[in-house]
Amino acid sequence: MKKYKTITILAFVVFVFGGSNMFAHGKKPQLPDNYITFSFVIHPASVGYKHRVASSTYLTTNLDYVGDRNDIYFQVGAGYMIPRKFWIFWFYGGTGLQFSRNHAYQYPYITLGTRFWILYSEVVYPIQRGGDSGFRLGFSVTF
């Protein structure tokens, strides 16, 4: 029940702050339509894709290879990029479902991340008992 409350709260925050005129005297953000991310610096190795569907809302997918478990995780979800650049950083958050190839289980997750220049970093927190957080650091290509 706790995981559903967390996802509901995160979805509410995305809905409330999703307005295009959230910041006073702010200019419209120039966010790209698509991102492809590559992470191999920090465990696990990952490839991801983000596609913009609204002003700051993205549909996301990630494919993570976890070498010590010899498993592949597939994540699908939605993310929200804060429509304001803080110094050189763009911050975003999201939620979705994660599937495992070997164990055929699924569970929700929350992700928080930042994008800067051509690099990005993310923290993925699975909402389950005994779930291990994942960290990503790598390159982000926009088009």
Protein backbone atom coordinates (compact mmCIF):
# COMPACT_ATOMS: atom_id res chain seq x y z
CA MET A 1 0.00 0.00 0.00
CA LYS A 2 2.90 2.35 0.76
CA LYS A 3 4.28 2.06 -2.76
CA TYR A 4 0.96 3.08 -4.29
CA LYS A 5 0.78 6.13 -2.03
CA THR A 6 4.29 7.15 -3.10
CA ILE A 7 3.44 6.80 -6.79
CA THR A 8 0.20 8.75 -6.28
CA ILE A 9 2.03 11.58 -4.52
CA LEU A 10 4.67 11.75 -7.25
CA ALA A 11 1.99 11.79 -9.98
CA PHE A 12 0.17 14.60 -8.13
CA VAL A 13 3.37 16.67 -7.90
CA VAL A 14 3.99 16.21 -11.64
CA PHE A 15 0.40 17.27 -12.37
CA VAL A 16 0.54 20.36 -10.13
CA PHE A 17 3.91 21.59 -11.34
CA GLY A 18 3.22 20.70 -14.96
CA GLY A 19 1.86 24.14 -15.78
CA SER A 20 3.75 26.01 -18.45
CA ASN A 21 3.87 29.29 -16.46
CA MET A 22 5.11 27.87 -13.19
CA PHE A 23 7.89 30.43 -12.63
CA ALA A 24 7.37 34.18 -12.53
CA HIS A 25 9.23 36.04 -15.28
CA GLY A 26 10.51 32.77 -16.65
CA LYS A 27 10.98 32.19 -20.33
CA LYS A 28 9.63 29.12 -22.06
CA PRO A 29 12.02 26.19 -21.74
CA GLN A 30 13.75 24.95 -24.86
CA LEU A 31 13.62 21.24 -24.13
CA PRO A 32 14.54 18.76 -26.87
CA ASP A 33 11.99 16.24 -28.07
CA ASN A 34 14.14 13.12 -27.62
CA TYR A 35 17.04 11.88 -25.51
CA ILE A 36 19.15 8.78 -25.90
CA THR A 37 21.26 7.92 -22.86
CA PHE A 38 24.26 5.61 -22.54
CA SER A 39 25.59 4.62 -19.14
CA PHE A 40 28.58 2.38 -18.66
CA VAL A 41 30.60 4.33 -16.09
CA ILE A 42 28.71 3.13 -13.01
CA HIS A 43 27.08 -0.28 -12.55
CA PRO A 44 24.69 -1.26 -14.23
CA ALA A 45 25.39 -0.68 -17.93
CA SER A 46 22.34 1.01 -19.39
CA VAL A 47 20.74 2.36 -22.56
CA GLY A 48 17.71 4.61 -22.36
CA TYR A 49 15.30 6.65 -24.45
CA LYS A 50 13.10 9.59 -23.45
CA HIS A 51 10.41 10.98 -25.75
CA ARG A 52 8.61 14.26 -25.00
CA VAL A 53 4.82 13.99 -25.11
CA ALA A 54 3.90 17.34 -23.49
CA SER A 55 5.69 20.56 -22.57
CA SER A 56 7.92 18.98 -19.89
CA THR A 57 6.61 15.41 -19.68
CA TYR A 58 8.50 12.47 -21.18
CA LEU A 59 7.81 8.79 -21.76
CA THR A 60 10.90 6.85 -20.73
CA THR A 61 12.40 3.43 -21.33
CA ASN A 62 15.65 1.95 -20.02
CA LEU A 63 17.42 -1.33 -20.54
CA ASP A 64 19.92 -2.20 -17.78
CA TYR A 65 22.37 -5.09 -17.83
CA VAL A 66 23.30 -6.23 -14.30
CA GLY A 67 26.46 -8.29 -14.70
CA ASP A 68 26.73 -9.80 -11.21
CA ARG A 69 23.20 -11.24 -11.52
CA ASN A 70 23.50 -11.92 -15.26
CA ASP A 71 20.10 -10.27 -15.68
CA ILE A 72 18.51 -7.58 -17.84
CA TYR A 73 16.03 -5.09 -16.39
CA PHE A 74 13.55 -3.30 -18.63
CA GLN A 75 12.01 -0.11 -17.26
CA VAL A 76 9.13 1.80 -18.76
CA GLY A 77 7.52 4.89 -17.26
CA ALA A 78 6.99 8.62 -17.36
CA GLY A 79 9.19 11.49 -16.27
CA TYR A 80 8.88 15.21 -15.68
CA MET A 81 11.71 17.64 -16.35
CA ILE A 82 11.52 20.83 -14.28
CA PRO A 83 11.09 23.58 -16.89
CA ARG A 84 13.88 25.71 -15.48
CA LYS A 85 17.64 25.43 -15.77
CA PHE A 86 19.47 25.76 -12.45
CA TRP A 87 22.96 27.02 -13.28
CA ILE A 88 24.04 24.27 -15.73
CA PHE A 89 21.69 21.53 -14.48
CA TRP A 90 18.26 20.33 -15.60
CA PHE A 91 16.55 18.26 -12.88
CA TYR A 92 13.88 15.65 -13.47
CA GLY A 93 12.00 12.86 -11.75
CA GLY A 94 9.77 10.03 -12.78
CA THR A 95 8.16 6.73 -12.00
CA GLY A 96 7.26 3.51 -13.79
CA LEU A 97 7.50 -0.28 -13.79
CA GLN A 98 10.60 -2.44 -13.91
CA PHE A 99 10.64 -5.97 -15.34
CA SER A 100 13.33 -8.63 -14.87
CA ARG A 101 14.29 -11.06 -17.63
CA ASN A 102 15.47 -13.93 -15.42
CA HIS A 103 13.01 -13.71 -12.55
CA ALA A 104 9.93 -12.46 -14.42
CA TYR A 105 8.87 -10.11 -11.65
CA GLN A 106 7.73 -6.54 -11.91
CA TYR A 107 7.65 -3.71 -9.43
CA PRO A 108 7.32 0.07 -9.49
CA TYR A 109 10.29 2.40 -9.20
CA ILE A 110 11.06 6.09 -8.70
CA THR A 111 13.88 7.86 -10.48
CA LEU A 112 15.54 11.20 -9.82
CA GLY A 113 18.12 12.64 -12.16
CA THR A 114 19.97 15.58 -13.56
CA ARG A 115 21.24 16.41 -17.01
CA PHE A 116 24.17 18.72 -17.63
CA TRP A 117 25.99 19.47 -20.86
CA ILE A 118 26.28 16.03 -22.58
CA LEU A 119 26.28 14.07 -19.31
CA TYR A 120 23.51 12.81 -17.07
CA SER A 121 23.13 11.03 -13.77
CA GLU A 122 20.19 9.15 -12.26
CA VAL A 123 19.24 7.35 -9.09
CA VAL A 124 16.66 4.59 -9.48
CA TYR A 125 14.90 3.46 -6.33
CA PRO A 126 12.71 0.34 -6.61
CA ILE A 127 9.63 0.37 -4.40
CA GLN A 128 9.87 -3.11 -2.93
CA ARG A 129 11.26 -4.74 0.18
CA GLY A 130 14.98 -5.39 -0.10
CA GLY A 131 15.29 -3.62 -3.45
CA ASP A 132 18.69 -2.22 -4.33
CA SER A 133 18.99 1.31 -5.63
CA GLY A 134 20.60 1.74 -9.02
CA PHE A 135 22.85 4.56 -10.12
CA ARG A 136 23.52 5.70 -13.65
CA LEU A 137 26.17 8.10 -14.95
CA GLY A 138 26.83 8.48 -18.63
CA PHE A 139 26.25 10.39 -21.82
CA SER A 140 23.04 11.97 -23.08
CA VAL A 141 22.44 12.73 -26.75
CA THR A 142 19.55 15.02 -27.70
CA PHE A 143 17.78 15.34 -31.03
